[in-house]
């Protein structure tokens, strides 16, 4: 009972402290380089990442929230639009992607010309393959999810913020990301079977990546 009271008190104090916290947020371009079994199945991925850092005033520690979207494969072709006898074509694009959300502790230097930080995060990743048809990559006509799966993910990483004016800083980061075993599709896995639709055989493995980010953070 004493341990429970102390735990509840710590959570209450921590929540009240973060309620008065400084908020630092930003966005980054993302490059994901697959590792291990995942590297043998896919190539380098590209995407974006958004993050927030809630930290007590003048303190180096806090809680980091992070979300990312990474495309690790894409293919497209032009298909005749039904009823036009081939005179009108639409773009058919299939993307293989990962969307992730995670949170965890972060330590960061809050002042100076170089402000390094480190973090450890845990969360979930959503792997999906989706196909869409559009007109000249502008007007979306239809979209469908061909396959998807969820898995647990964790990561460790760090980086450095370099102030560039006011409360804005250039943000350079790197992280090692480990997704637990998950089923996914890659380029070429969807096979057309005429009127029967498409068939596929998902791959299954851990999905580990080294991710590099470049962007800006604001709120310093």
N, C-alpha and C. Protein backbone atom coordinates (compact mmCIF):
# COMPACT_ATOMS: atom_id res chain seq x y z
N UNK A 1 0.83 -1.20 0.00
CA UNK A 1 0.00 0.00 0.00
C UNK A 1 0.87 1.25 0.00
N UNK A 2 1.98 1.24 0.76
CA UNK A 2 2.86 2.39 0.79
C UNK A 2 3.48 2.64 -0.58
N UNK A 3 3.87 1.53 -1.26
CA UNK A 3 4.45 1.66 -2.60
C UNK A 3 3.42 2.25 -3.57
N UNK A 4 2.16 1.80 -3.45
CA UNK A 4 1.11 2.30 -4.33
C UNK A 4 0.89 3.78 -4.12
N UNK A 5 0.88 4.22 -2.85
CA UNK A 5 0.70 5.64 -2.56
C UNK A 5 1.83 6.47 -3.15
N UNK A 6 3.07 5.97 -3.02
CA UNK A 6 4.21 6.70 -3.56
C UNK A 6 4.14 6.77 -5.08
N UNK A 7 3.70 5.68 -5.72
CA UNK A 7 3.59 5.66 -7.17
C UNK A 7 2.55 6.66 -7.65
N UNK A 8 1.38 6.67 -7.00
CA UNK A 8 0.33 7.62 -7.36
C UNK A 8 0.79 9.05 -7.16
N UNK A 9 1.50 9.30 -6.04
CA UNK A 9 2.00 10.65 -5.77
C UNK A 9 3.00 11.08 -6.84
N UNK A 10 3.88 10.17 -7.25
CA UNK A 10 4.87 10.49 -8.28
C UNK A 10 4.19 10.82 -9.60
N UNK A 11 3.15 10.06 -9.95
CA UNK A 11 2.43 10.33 -11.18
C UNK A 11 1.72 11.68 -11.14
N UNK A 12 1.13 12.00 -9.98
CA UNK A 12 0.44 13.28 -9.84
C UNK A 12 1.42 14.43 -9.95
N UNK A 13 2.56 14.32 -9.24
CA UNK A 13 3.56 15.37 -9.30
C UNK A 13 4.16 15.50 -10.69
N UNK A 14 4.40 14.35 -11.34
CA UNK A 14 4.94 14.39 -12.70
C UNK A 14 3.97 15.04 -13.66
N UNK A 15 2.68 14.72 -13.52
CA UNK A 15 1.67 15.30 -14.41
C UNK A 15 1.56 16.80 -14.20
N UNK A 16 1.58 17.23 -12.91
CA UNK A 16 1.47 18.66 -12.65
C UNK A 16 2.70 19.41 -13.13
N UNK A 17 3.87 18.75 -13.08
CA UNK A 17 5.10 19.39 -13.58
C UNK A 17 5.05 19.56 -15.08
N UNK A 18 4.63 18.48 -15.80
CA UNK A 18 4.55 18.56 -17.25
C UNK A 18 3.45 19.51 -17.72
N UNK A 19 2.43 19.72 -16.85
CA UNK A 19 1.38 20.66 -17.21
C UNK A 19 1.93 22.07 -17.34
N UNK A 20 3.02 22.36 -16.63
CA UNK A 20 3.66 23.68 -16.70
C UNK A 20 4.89 23.64 -17.61
N UNK A 21 5.00 22.60 -18.42
CA UNK A 21 6.23 22.36 -19.17
C UNK A 21 6.39 23.30 -20.36
N UNK A 22 7.65 23.47 -20.76
CA UNK A 22 7.96 24.08 -22.04
C UNK A 22 7.64 23.06 -23.13
N UNK A 23 7.13 23.53 -24.23
CA UNK A 23 6.80 22.65 -25.35
C UNK A 23 7.67 23.00 -26.55
N UNK A 24 8.39 22.01 -27.04
CA UNK A 24 9.25 22.16 -28.20
C UNK A 24 8.76 21.19 -29.27
N UNK A 25 8.56 21.66 -30.47
CA UNK A 25 8.06 20.79 -31.52
C UNK A 25 8.73 21.06 -32.84
N UNK A 26 8.58 20.13 -33.76
CA UNK A 26 9.20 20.33 -35.07
C UNK A 26 8.83 19.26 -36.06
N UNK A 27 9.38 19.39 -37.26
CA UNK A 27 9.17 18.42 -38.32
C UNK A 27 10.45 18.17 -39.09
N UNK A 28 10.58 16.97 -39.64
CA UNK A 28 11.82 16.57 -40.29
C UNK A 28 11.53 15.77 -41.56
N UNK A 29 12.44 15.85 -42.51
CA UNK A 29 12.51 14.90 -43.60
C UNK A 29 13.18 13.64 -43.05
N UNK A 30 12.76 12.49 -43.56
CA UNK A 30 13.18 11.21 -42.98
C UNK A 30 13.72 10.29 -44.06
N UNK A 31 14.88 9.68 -43.78
CA UNK A 31 15.45 8.64 -44.63
C UNK A 31 15.59 7.39 -43.77
N UNK A 32 15.06 6.27 -44.24
CA UNK A 32 15.14 5.02 -43.49
C UNK A 32 15.93 3.98 -44.25
N UNK A 33 17.02 3.50 -43.65
CA UNK A 33 17.87 2.50 -44.28
C UNK A 33 17.62 1.16 -43.60
N UNK A 34 17.03 0.18 -44.31
CA UNK A 34 16.69 -1.11 -43.69
C UNK A 34 17.92 -1.89 -43.27
N UNK A 35 17.72 -2.75 -42.27
CA UNK A 35 18.81 -3.56 -41.73
C UNK A 35 18.36 -5.03 -41.66
N UNK A 36 19.33 -5.95 -41.67
CA UNK A 36 19.04 -7.36 -41.46
C UNK A 36 18.12 -7.95 -42.51
N UNK A 37 17.14 -8.77 -42.07
CA UNK A 37 16.21 -9.41 -42.99
C UNK A 37 15.41 -8.38 -43.79
N UNK A 38 15.10 -7.26 -43.17
CA UNK A 38 14.33 -6.22 -43.87
C UNK A 38 15.13 -5.65 -45.03
N UNK A 39 16.44 -5.55 -44.87
CA UNK A 39 17.30 -5.02 -45.92
C UNK A 39 17.29 -5.93 -47.15
N UNK A 40 17.14 -7.24 -46.92
CA UNK A 40 17.13 -8.17 -48.05
C UNK A 40 15.80 -8.13 -48.81
N UNK A 41 14.81 -7.46 -48.25
CA UNK A 41 13.49 -7.43 -48.88
C UNK A 41 13.15 -6.08 -49.50
N UNK A 42 13.66 -4.98 -48.93
CA UNK A 42 13.26 -3.65 -49.39
C UNK A 42 14.48 -2.75 -49.54
N UNK A 43 14.24 -1.59 -50.14
CA UNK A 43 15.31 -0.62 -50.31
C UNK A 43 15.15 0.55 -49.35
N UNK A 44 15.94 1.58 -49.56
CA UNK A 44 15.90 2.77 -48.72
C UNK A 44 14.53 3.44 -48.82
N UNK A 45 14.01 3.89 -47.66
CA UNK A 45 12.72 4.54 -47.62
C UNK A 45 12.84 6.04 -47.38
N UNK A 46 11.78 6.76 -47.75
CA UNK A 46 11.74 8.21 -47.61
C UNK A 46 10.42 8.62 -46.99
N UNK A 47 10.44 9.68 -46.19
CA UNK A 47 9.20 10.13 -45.59
C UNK A 47 9.39 11.38 -44.77
N UNK A 48 8.58 11.50 -43.73
CA UNK A 48 8.65 12.67 -42.86
C UNK A 48 8.31 12.26 -41.43
N UNK A 49 8.70 13.11 -40.50
CA UNK A 49 8.51 12.84 -39.07
C UNK A 49 8.11 14.12 -38.36
N UNK A 50 7.20 14.01 -37.41
CA UNK A 50 6.85 15.13 -36.56
C UNK A 50 7.10 14.76 -35.11
N UNK A 51 7.54 15.70 -34.29
CA UNK A 51 7.86 15.38 -32.91
C UNK A 51 7.53 16.54 -31.98
N UNK A 52 7.30 16.20 -30.72
CA UNK A 52 7.10 17.18 -29.68
C UNK A 52 7.85 16.78 -28.43
N UNK A 53 8.32 17.76 -27.67
CA UNK A 53 9.11 17.51 -26.46
C UNK A 53 8.55 18.38 -25.35
N UNK A 54 7.97 17.75 -24.33
CA UNK A 54 7.43 18.46 -23.17
C UNK A 54 8.44 18.35 -22.04
N UNK A 55 8.96 19.48 -21.59
CA UNK A 55 10.02 19.48 -20.58
C UNK A 55 9.78 20.55 -19.53
N UNK A 56 9.99 20.24 -18.24
CA UNK A 56 9.83 21.27 -17.21
C UNK A 56 10.76 22.45 -17.48
N UNK A 57 10.34 23.65 -17.12
CA UNK A 57 11.17 24.84 -17.38
C UNK A 57 12.60 24.68 -16.85
N UNK A 58 13.56 24.96 -17.73
CA UNK A 58 14.99 24.97 -17.40
C UNK A 58 15.54 23.59 -17.03
N UNK A 59 14.80 22.52 -17.31
CA UNK A 59 15.27 21.18 -17.01
C UNK A 59 15.70 20.46 -18.29
N UNK A 60 16.66 19.52 -18.20
CA UNK A 60 17.13 18.82 -19.39
C UNK A 60 16.30 17.59 -19.75
N UNK A 61 15.39 17.16 -18.90
CA UNK A 61 14.65 15.93 -19.14
C UNK A 61 13.20 16.25 -19.50
N UNK A 62 12.55 15.29 -20.13
CA UNK A 62 11.16 15.48 -20.50
C UNK A 62 10.64 14.28 -21.26
N UNK A 63 9.47 14.45 -21.86
CA UNK A 63 8.80 13.37 -22.58
C UNK A 63 8.69 13.75 -24.06
N UNK A 64 9.14 12.84 -24.91
CA UNK A 64 9.11 13.06 -26.37
C UNK A 64 7.96 12.26 -26.98
N UNK A 65 7.19 12.92 -27.85
CA UNK A 65 6.16 12.27 -28.64
C UNK A 65 6.57 12.36 -30.11
N UNK A 66 6.31 11.29 -30.85
CA UNK A 66 6.82 11.27 -32.22
C UNK A 66 5.90 10.48 -33.14
N UNK A 67 5.71 10.97 -34.34
CA UNK A 67 4.97 10.25 -35.36
C UNK A 67 5.72 10.32 -36.68
N UNK A 68 5.65 9.26 -37.47
CA UNK A 68 6.39 9.25 -38.73
C UNK A 68 5.63 8.49 -39.81
N UNK A 69 5.97 8.80 -41.05
CA UNK A 69 5.40 8.13 -42.21
C UNK A 69 6.55 7.87 -43.19
N UNK A 70 6.73 6.61 -43.59
CA UNK A 70 7.87 6.22 -44.42
C UNK A 70 7.39 5.32 -45.56
N UNK A 71 7.68 5.71 -46.80
CA UNK A 71 7.41 4.87 -47.97
C UNK A 71 8.68 4.09 -48.30
N UNK A 72 8.58 2.75 -48.30
CA UNK A 72 9.77 1.94 -48.59
C UNK A 72 9.67 1.23 -49.94
N UNK A 73 8.61 1.49 -50.68
CA UNK A 73 8.48 0.90 -52.01
C UNK A 73 7.30 1.51 -52.74
N UNK A 74 7.43 1.68 -54.07
CA UNK A 74 6.35 2.26 -54.84
C UNK A 74 6.46 1.82 -56.30
N UNK A 75 5.33 1.59 -56.95
CA UNK A 75 5.30 1.25 -58.36
C UNK A 75 4.03 1.81 -58.98
N UNK A 76 4.08 2.14 -60.28
CA UNK A 76 2.92 2.73 -60.93
C UNK A 76 2.87 2.37 -62.40
N UNK A 77 1.68 2.46 -62.97
CA UNK A 77 1.49 2.23 -64.41
C UNK A 77 0.22 2.96 -64.83
N UNK A 78 0.04 3.11 -66.13
CA UNK A 78 -1.15 3.77 -66.67
C UNK A 78 -2.11 2.70 -67.18
N UNK A 79 -3.39 2.81 -66.78
CA UNK A 79 -4.41 1.85 -67.19
C UNK A 79 -5.54 2.56 -67.92
N UNK A 80 -6.10 1.95 -68.98
CA UNK A 80 -7.23 2.58 -69.68
C UNK A 80 -8.44 2.74 -68.75
N UNK A 81 -9.07 3.90 -68.83
CA UNK A 81 -10.26 4.14 -68.01
C UNK A 81 -11.45 3.42 -68.66
N UNK A 82 -12.24 2.68 -67.83
CA UNK A 82 -13.36 1.90 -68.39
C UNK A 82 -14.31 2.77 -69.21
N UNK A 83 -14.71 2.25 -70.37
CA UNK A 83 -15.68 2.94 -71.21
C UNK A 83 -15.09 3.93 -72.19
N UNK A 84 -13.76 4.11 -72.17
CA UNK A 84 -13.14 5.10 -73.07
C UNK A 84 -12.40 4.44 -74.22
N UNK A 85 -12.46 3.10 -74.33
CA UNK A 85 -11.80 2.36 -75.39
C UNK A 85 -10.31 2.68 -75.47
N UNK A 86 -9.71 2.93 -74.31
CA UNK A 86 -8.27 3.16 -74.24
C UNK A 86 -7.84 4.56 -74.55
N UNK A 87 -8.79 5.46 -74.83
CA UNK A 87 -8.41 6.83 -75.18
C UNK A 87 -8.08 7.69 -73.96
N UNK A 88 -8.55 7.25 -72.80
CA UNK A 88 -8.26 7.98 -71.56
C UNK A 88 -7.59 7.03 -70.58
N UNK A 89 -6.47 7.46 -70.05
CA UNK A 89 -5.74 6.63 -69.10
C UNK A 89 -5.72 7.25 -67.71
N UNK A 90 -5.62 6.40 -66.71
CA UNK A 90 -5.48 6.85 -65.33
C UNK A 90 -4.23 6.23 -64.73
N UNK A 91 -3.63 6.94 -63.82
CA UNK A 91 -2.44 6.43 -63.13
C UNK A 91 -2.84 5.49 -62.01
N UNK A 92 -2.22 4.32 -61.98
CA UNK A 92 -2.41 3.37 -60.89
C UNK A 92 -1.11 3.30 -60.11
N UNK A 93 -1.15 3.68 -58.85
CA UNK A 93 0.06 3.72 -58.02
C UNK A 93 -0.12 2.85 -56.79
N UNK A 94 0.87 2.02 -56.51
CA UNK A 94 0.87 1.19 -55.32
C UNK A 94 2.05 1.59 -54.44
N UNK A 95 1.76 1.92 -53.18
CA UNK A 95 2.79 2.32 -52.22
C UNK A 95 2.86 1.32 -51.08
N UNK A 96 4.07 1.01 -50.66
CA UNK A 96 4.32 0.22 -49.45
C UNK A 96 4.86 1.18 -48.39
N UNK A 97 4.19 1.26 -47.24
CA UNK A 97 4.56 2.30 -46.28
C UNK A 97 4.40 1.85 -44.84
N UNK A 98 5.02 2.63 -43.95
CA UNK A 98 4.96 2.40 -42.51
C UNK A 98 4.58 3.70 -41.83
N UNK A 99 3.56 3.64 -40.98
CA UNK A 99 3.20 4.77 -40.13
C UNK A 99 3.45 4.36 -38.68
N UNK A 100 4.13 5.21 -37.92
CA UNK A 100 4.50 4.87 -36.55
C UNK A 100 4.18 6.00 -35.59
N UNK A 101 3.81 5.64 -34.37
CA UNK A 101 3.69 6.60 -33.27
C UNK A 101 4.43 6.02 -32.07
N UNK A 102 5.11 6.89 -31.32
CA UNK A 102 5.91 6.41 -30.20
C UNK A 102 6.10 7.55 -29.19
N UNK A 103 6.47 7.18 -27.97
CA UNK A 103 6.74 8.16 -26.93
C UNK A 103 7.76 7.58 -25.96
N UNK A 104 8.46 8.46 -25.25
CA UNK A 104 9.44 8.01 -24.28
C UNK A 104 10.27 9.16 -23.75
N UNK A 105 11.18 8.88 -22.82
CA UNK A 105 11.99 9.93 -22.20
C UNK A 105 13.04 10.50 -23.14
N UNK A 106 13.35 11.77 -22.94
CA UNK A 106 14.41 12.42 -23.70
C UNK A 106 15.22 13.31 -22.77
N UNK A 107 16.53 13.32 -22.98
CA UNK A 107 17.44 14.24 -22.30
C UNK A 107 18.01 15.18 -23.33
N UNK A 108 18.02 16.48 -23.01
CA UNK A 108 18.48 17.46 -24.00
C UNK A 108 19.17 18.62 -23.32
N UNK A 109 20.23 19.10 -23.95
CA UNK A 109 20.87 20.34 -23.52
C UNK A 109 20.00 21.49 -24.00
N UNK A 110 19.66 22.42 -23.11
CA UNK A 110 18.67 23.45 -23.41
C UNK A 110 19.26 24.79 -23.86
N UNK A 111 20.57 24.92 -23.81
CA UNK A 111 21.18 26.20 -24.19
C UNK A 111 22.52 25.95 -24.86
N UNK A 112 23.08 27.02 -25.47
CA UNK A 112 24.37 26.91 -26.13
C UNK A 112 24.23 26.83 -27.64
N UNK A 113 25.34 26.96 -28.35
CA UNK A 113 25.32 26.93 -29.82
C UNK A 113 25.03 25.54 -30.38
N UNK A 114 25.33 24.48 -29.61
CA UNK A 114 25.02 23.11 -29.98
C UNK A 114 24.23 22.49 -28.83
N UNK A 115 23.07 21.88 -29.15
CA UNK A 115 22.21 21.35 -28.10
C UNK A 115 21.88 19.90 -28.37
N UNK A 116 22.77 18.99 -27.96
CA UNK A 116 22.56 17.57 -28.23
C UNK A 116 21.41 17.00 -27.39
N UNK A 117 20.84 15.89 -27.87
CA UNK A 117 19.78 15.21 -27.14
C UNK A 117 19.83 13.71 -27.43
N UNK A 118 19.29 12.93 -26.50
CA UNK A 118 19.16 11.49 -26.68
C UNK A 118 17.76 11.08 -26.21
N UNK A 119 17.23 9.99 -26.78
CA UNK A 119 15.90 9.54 -26.38
C UNK A 119 15.76 8.03 -26.58
N UNK A 120 14.80 7.45 -25.87
CA UNK A 120 14.42 6.04 -26.02
C UNK A 120 12.89 6.00 -26.08
N UNK A 121 12.36 5.41 -27.16
CA UNK A 121 10.92 5.48 -27.41
C UNK A 121 10.33 4.09 -27.61
N UNK A 122 9.04 3.95 -27.32
CA UNK A 122 8.30 2.73 -27.58
C UNK A 122 6.94 3.10 -28.15
N UNK A 123 6.40 2.24 -29.02
CA UNK A 123 5.10 2.54 -29.61
C UNK A 123 4.65 1.44 -30.55
N UNK A 124 3.91 1.81 -31.59
CA UNK A 124 3.40 0.84 -32.55
C UNK A 124 3.69 1.32 -33.97
N UNK A 125 3.77 0.36 -34.89
CA UNK A 125 3.95 0.66 -36.31
C UNK A 125 2.86 -0.05 -37.11
N UNK A 126 2.36 0.64 -38.12
CA UNK A 126 1.34 0.12 -39.02
C UNK A 126 1.96 -0.03 -40.41
N UNK A 127 2.06 -1.27 -40.89
CA UNK A 127 2.60 -1.56 -42.22
C UNK A 127 1.42 -1.74 -43.17
N UNK A 128 1.48 -1.06 -44.32
CA UNK A 128 0.36 -1.16 -45.26
C UNK A 128 0.85 -1.08 -46.70
N UNK A 129 0.10 -1.73 -47.57
CA UNK A 129 0.26 -1.57 -49.01
C UNK A 129 -1.06 -1.08 -49.55
N UNK A 130 -1.06 0.07 -50.19
CA UNK A 130 -2.29 0.67 -50.71
C UNK A 130 -2.12 1.00 -52.18
N UNK A 131 -3.22 0.91 -52.92
CA UNK A 131 -3.22 1.25 -54.34
C UNK A 131 -4.28 2.31 -54.59
N UNK A 132 -4.00 3.21 -55.52
CA UNK A 132 -4.94 4.28 -55.85
C UNK A 132 -4.90 4.55 -57.35
N UNK A 133 -5.99 5.08 -57.85
CA UNK A 133 -6.01 5.56 -59.23
C UNK A 133 -6.34 7.05 -59.19
N UNK A 134 -5.64 7.80 -60.02
CA UNK A 134 -5.86 9.24 -60.05
C UNK A 134 -5.62 9.75 -61.47
N UNK A 135 -5.96 10.98 -61.67
CA UNK A 135 -5.76 11.64 -62.97
C UNK A 135 -4.58 12.57 -62.88
N UNK A 136 -3.50 12.18 -63.54
CA UNK A 136 -2.27 13.00 -63.57
C UNK A 136 -1.76 13.34 -62.18
N UNK A 137 -1.89 12.38 -61.23
CA UNK A 137 -1.39 12.55 -59.87
C UNK A 137 -2.06 13.73 -59.15
N UNK A 138 -3.23 14.16 -59.62
CA UNK A 138 -3.89 15.32 -59.02
C UNK A 138 -5.23 14.95 -58.41
N UNK A 139 -6.13 14.37 -59.21
CA UNK A 139 -7.48 14.06 -58.76
C UNK A 139 -7.56 12.59 -58.37
N UNK A 140 -7.82 12.31 -57.09
CA UNK A 140 -7.95 10.94 -56.61
C UNK A 140 -9.31 10.39 -57.03
N UNK A 141 -9.29 9.24 -57.71
CA UNK A 141 -10.52 8.62 -58.18
C UNK A 141 -10.95 7.49 -57.26
N UNK A 142 -10.02 6.66 -56.84
CA UNK A 142 -10.34 5.54 -55.94
C UNK A 142 -9.07 5.09 -55.25
N UNK A 143 -9.24 4.45 -54.08
CA UNK A 143 -8.10 3.96 -53.31
C UNK A 143 -8.51 2.73 -52.53
N UNK A 144 -7.57 1.80 -52.36
CA UNK A 144 -7.87 0.57 -51.64
C UNK A 144 -6.63 0.10 -50.89
N UNK A 145 -6.85 -0.53 -49.73
CA UNK A 145 -5.76 -1.14 -48.97
C UNK A 145 -5.65 -2.59 -49.37
N UNK A 146 -4.51 -2.96 -49.93
CA UNK A 146 -4.29 -4.33 -50.39
C UNK A 146 -3.91 -5.27 -49.25
N UNK A 147 -3.14 -4.74 -48.29
CA UNK A 147 -2.69 -5.57 -47.17
C UNK A 147 -2.19 -4.66 -46.06
N UNK A 148 -2.36 -5.09 -44.78
CA UNK A 148 -1.82 -4.30 -43.66
C UNK A 148 -1.58 -5.19 -42.45
N UNK A 149 -0.78 -4.69 -41.53
CA UNK A 149 -0.46 -5.41 -40.29
C UNK A 149 0.08 -4.41 -39.28
N UNK A 150 -0.04 -4.75 -37.99
CA UNK A 150 0.46 -3.92 -36.88
C UNK A 150 1.56 -4.64 -36.14
N UNK A 151 2.45 -3.88 -35.48
CA UNK A 151 3.45 -4.49 -34.63
C UNK A 151 3.99 -3.49 -33.61
N UNK A 152 4.61 -4.01 -32.56
CA UNK A 152 5.27 -3.17 -31.55
C UNK A 152 6.61 -2.69 -32.09
N UNK A 153 7.00 -1.48 -31.72
CA UNK A 153 8.29 -0.94 -32.13
C UNK A 153 8.95 -0.21 -30.96
N UNK A 154 10.29 -0.21 -30.98
CA UNK A 154 11.05 0.59 -30.03
C UNK A 154 12.23 1.20 -30.77
N UNK A 155 12.79 2.24 -30.18
CA UNK A 155 13.93 2.90 -30.84
C UNK A 155 14.79 3.61 -29.81
N UNK A 156 16.04 3.80 -30.16
CA UNK A 156 16.96 4.64 -29.39
C UNK A 156 17.63 5.57 -30.40
N UNK A 157 17.82 6.80 -30.00
CA UNK A 157 18.41 7.75 -30.94
C UNK A 157 18.86 9.02 -30.28
N UNK A 158 19.27 9.94 -31.09
CA UNK A 158 19.74 11.22 -30.59
C UNK A 158 20.01 12.15 -31.74
N UNK A 159 20.53 13.30 -31.41
CA UNK A 159 20.82 14.28 -32.43
C UNK A 159 21.32 15.57 -31.82
N UNK A 160 21.21 16.63 -32.59
CA UNK A 160 21.66 17.93 -32.11
C UNK A 160 20.78 19.01 -32.73
N UNK A 161 20.42 19.99 -31.91
CA UNK A 161 19.73 21.18 -32.38
C UNK A 161 20.73 22.34 -32.45
N UNK A 162 20.70 23.06 -33.56
CA UNK A 162 21.60 24.19 -33.78
C UNK A 162 20.76 25.44 -33.98
N UNK A 163 20.73 26.37 -33.00
CA UNK A 163 19.91 27.57 -33.14
C UNK A 163 20.26 28.36 -34.40
N UNK A 164 19.20 28.79 -35.11
CA UNK A 164 19.42 29.55 -36.34
C UNK A 164 18.70 30.90 -36.30
N UNK A 165 18.05 31.20 -35.19
CA UNK A 165 17.38 32.49 -35.07
C UNK A 165 16.16 32.42 -34.18
N UNK A 166 16.07 33.31 -33.20
CA UNK A 166 14.93 33.31 -32.29
C UNK A 166 14.82 32.00 -31.55
N UNK A 167 13.64 31.40 -31.57
CA UNK A 167 13.41 30.12 -30.89
C UNK A 167 13.49 28.94 -31.84
N UNK A 168 13.99 29.16 -33.07
CA UNK A 168 14.04 28.12 -34.09
C UNK A 168 15.45 27.53 -34.18
N UNK A 169 15.51 26.20 -34.35
CA UNK A 169 16.80 25.53 -34.45
C UNK A 169 16.78 24.49 -35.56
N UNK A 170 17.91 24.32 -36.22
CA UNK A 170 18.09 23.23 -37.18
C UNK A 170 18.22 21.94 -36.39
N UNK A 171 17.51 20.90 -36.80
CA UNK A 171 17.46 19.64 -36.07
C UNK A 171 18.05 18.52 -36.92
N UNK A 172 19.15 17.92 -36.46
CA UNK A 172 19.78 16.78 -37.13
C UNK A 172 19.69 15.58 -36.20
N UNK A 173 19.18 14.45 -36.69
CA UNK A 173 18.99 13.31 -35.81
C UNK A 173 19.27 11.98 -36.48
N UNK A 174 19.48 10.95 -35.65
CA UNK A 174 19.65 9.58 -36.11
C UNK A 174 19.06 8.66 -35.06
N UNK A 175 18.47 7.55 -35.51
CA UNK A 175 17.86 6.61 -34.56
C UNK A 175 17.94 5.19 -35.12
N UNK A 176 18.05 4.24 -34.21
CA UNK A 176 17.94 2.82 -34.56
C UNK A 176 16.53 2.38 -34.18
N UNK A 177 15.78 1.86 -35.15
CA UNK A 177 14.39 1.49 -34.95
C UNK A 177 14.24 -0.01 -35.15
N UNK A 178 13.58 -0.66 -34.19
CA UNK A 178 13.34 -2.10 -34.29
C UNK A 178 11.84 -2.37 -34.22
N UNK A 179 11.28 -2.86 -35.32
CA UNK A 179 9.89 -3.31 -35.35
C UNK A 179 9.86 -4.83 -35.15
N UNK A 180 9.02 -5.31 -34.23
CA UNK A 180 8.89 -6.74 -34.03
C UNK A 180 8.41 -7.42 -35.30
N UNK A 181 8.39 -8.76 -35.29
CA UNK A 181 8.00 -9.51 -36.49
C UNK A 181 6.65 -9.03 -37.01
N UNK A 182 6.61 -8.80 -38.32
CA UNK A 182 5.43 -8.22 -38.93
C UNK A 182 5.31 -8.75 -40.36
N UNK A 183 4.10 -8.83 -40.88
CA UNK A 183 3.88 -9.25 -42.26
C UNK A 183 3.73 -8.01 -43.14
N UNK A 184 4.31 -8.04 -44.33
CA UNK A 184 4.29 -6.88 -45.21
C UNK A 184 4.49 -7.31 -46.66
N UNK A 185 4.15 -6.41 -47.58
CA UNK A 185 4.38 -6.62 -48.99
C UNK A 185 5.48 -5.68 -49.48
N UNK A 186 6.11 -6.06 -50.58
CA UNK A 186 7.14 -5.24 -51.20
C UNK A 186 6.80 -5.03 -52.67
N UNK A 187 7.61 -4.25 -53.36
CA UNK A 187 7.39 -4.00 -54.79
C UNK A 187 7.35 -5.33 -55.55
N UNK A 188 6.35 -5.49 -56.41
CA UNK A 188 6.24 -6.69 -57.23
C UNK A 188 5.49 -7.82 -56.58
N UNK A 189 5.09 -7.70 -55.30
CA UNK A 189 4.39 -8.79 -54.62
C UNK A 189 2.94 -8.93 -55.08
N UNK A 190 2.32 -7.86 -55.56
CA UNK A 190 0.96 -7.95 -56.07
C UNK A 190 0.99 -8.49 -57.50
N UNK A 191 0.26 -9.58 -57.74
CA UNK A 191 0.22 -10.21 -59.06
C UNK A 191 -1.22 -10.17 -59.57
N UNK A 192 -1.41 -9.57 -60.77
CA UNK A 192 -2.75 -9.47 -61.34
C UNK A 192 -3.20 -10.82 -61.89
N UNK A 193 -4.46 -11.18 -61.58
CA UNK A 193 -5.03 -12.43 -62.05
C UNK A 193 -6.29 -12.20 -62.89
N UNK A 194 -6.27 -11.15 -63.69
CA UNK A 194 -7.41 -10.86 -64.54
C UNK A 194 -8.65 -10.51 -63.73
N UNK A 195 -9.77 -11.13 -64.08
CA UNK A 195 -11.03 -10.86 -63.40
C UNK A 195 -11.01 -11.32 -61.95
N UNK A 196 -10.09 -12.22 -61.60
CA UNK A 196 -10.01 -12.74 -60.23
C UNK A 196 -9.35 -11.75 -59.27
N UNK A 197 -8.83 -10.64 -59.81
CA UNK A 197 -8.20 -9.64 -58.95
C UNK A 197 -6.71 -9.85 -58.85
N UNK A 198 -6.17 -9.68 -57.64
CA UNK A 198 -4.73 -9.82 -57.43
C UNK A 198 -4.46 -10.87 -56.35
N UNK A 199 -3.29 -11.45 -56.41
CA UNK A 199 -2.85 -12.39 -55.38
C UNK A 199 -1.49 -11.95 -54.86
N UNK A 200 -1.14 -12.40 -53.67
CA UNK A 200 0.14 -12.02 -53.08
C UNK A 200 0.48 -12.98 -51.96
N UNK A 201 1.78 -13.06 -51.67
CA UNK A 201 2.28 -13.82 -50.53
C UNK A 201 3.09 -12.88 -49.66
N UNK A 202 2.58 -12.50 -48.49
CA UNK A 202 3.31 -11.54 -47.64
C UNK A 202 4.63 -12.11 -47.14
N UNK A 203 5.58 -11.24 -46.98
CA UNK A 203 6.82 -11.58 -46.30
C UNK A 203 6.62 -11.36 -44.81
N UNK A 204 7.40 -12.04 -43.99
CA UNK A 204 7.30 -11.86 -42.55
C UNK A 204 8.69 -11.88 -41.92
N UNK A 205 9.01 -10.83 -41.18
CA UNK A 205 10.31 -10.74 -40.52
C UNK A 205 10.27 -9.58 -39.54
N UNK A 206 11.35 -9.43 -38.79
CA UNK A 206 11.53 -8.18 -38.07
C UNK A 206 11.86 -7.09 -39.08
N UNK A 207 11.51 -5.86 -38.75
CA UNK A 207 11.78 -4.75 -39.68
C UNK A 207 12.59 -3.70 -38.94
N UNK A 208 13.90 -3.80 -39.10
CA UNK A 208 14.82 -2.89 -38.41
C UNK A 208 15.35 -1.85 -39.40
N UNK A 209 15.50 -0.63 -38.91
CA UNK A 209 16.00 0.45 -39.76
C UNK A 209 16.91 1.37 -38.98
N UNK A 210 17.82 2.00 -39.69
CA UNK A 210 18.54 3.17 -39.18
C UNK A 210 17.94 4.37 -39.89
N UNK A 211 17.44 5.33 -39.10
CA UNK A 211 16.74 6.48 -39.67
C UNK A 211 17.54 7.76 -39.44
N UNK A 212 17.62 8.57 -40.48
CA UNK A 212 18.27 9.87 -40.41
C UNK A 212 17.22 10.95 -40.65
N UNK A 213 17.27 12.02 -39.87
CA UNK A 213 16.30 13.09 -40.00
C UNK A 213 17.00 14.44 -40.14
N UNK A 214 16.37 15.33 -40.89
CA UNK A 214 16.84 16.70 -41.06
C UNK A 214 15.62 17.60 -41.12
N UNK A 215 15.56 18.58 -40.19
CA UNK A 215 14.42 19.48 -40.16
C UNK A 215 14.65 20.64 -39.22
N UNK A 216 13.57 21.15 -38.67
CA UNK A 216 13.65 22.27 -37.74
C UNK A 216 12.80 21.99 -36.51
N UNK A 217 13.22 22.59 -35.40
CA UNK A 217 12.46 22.56 -34.15
C UNK A 217 12.22 24.00 -33.70
N UNK A 218 11.09 24.23 -33.04
CA UNK A 218 10.75 25.57 -32.56
C UNK A 218 10.27 25.48 -31.12
N UNK A 219 10.56 26.52 -30.37
CA UNK A 219 10.14 26.57 -28.98
C UNK A 219 11.28 26.66 -27.99
N UNK A 220 12.52 26.76 -28.52
CA UNK A 220 13.69 26.83 -27.64
C UNK A 220 13.77 28.18 -26.94
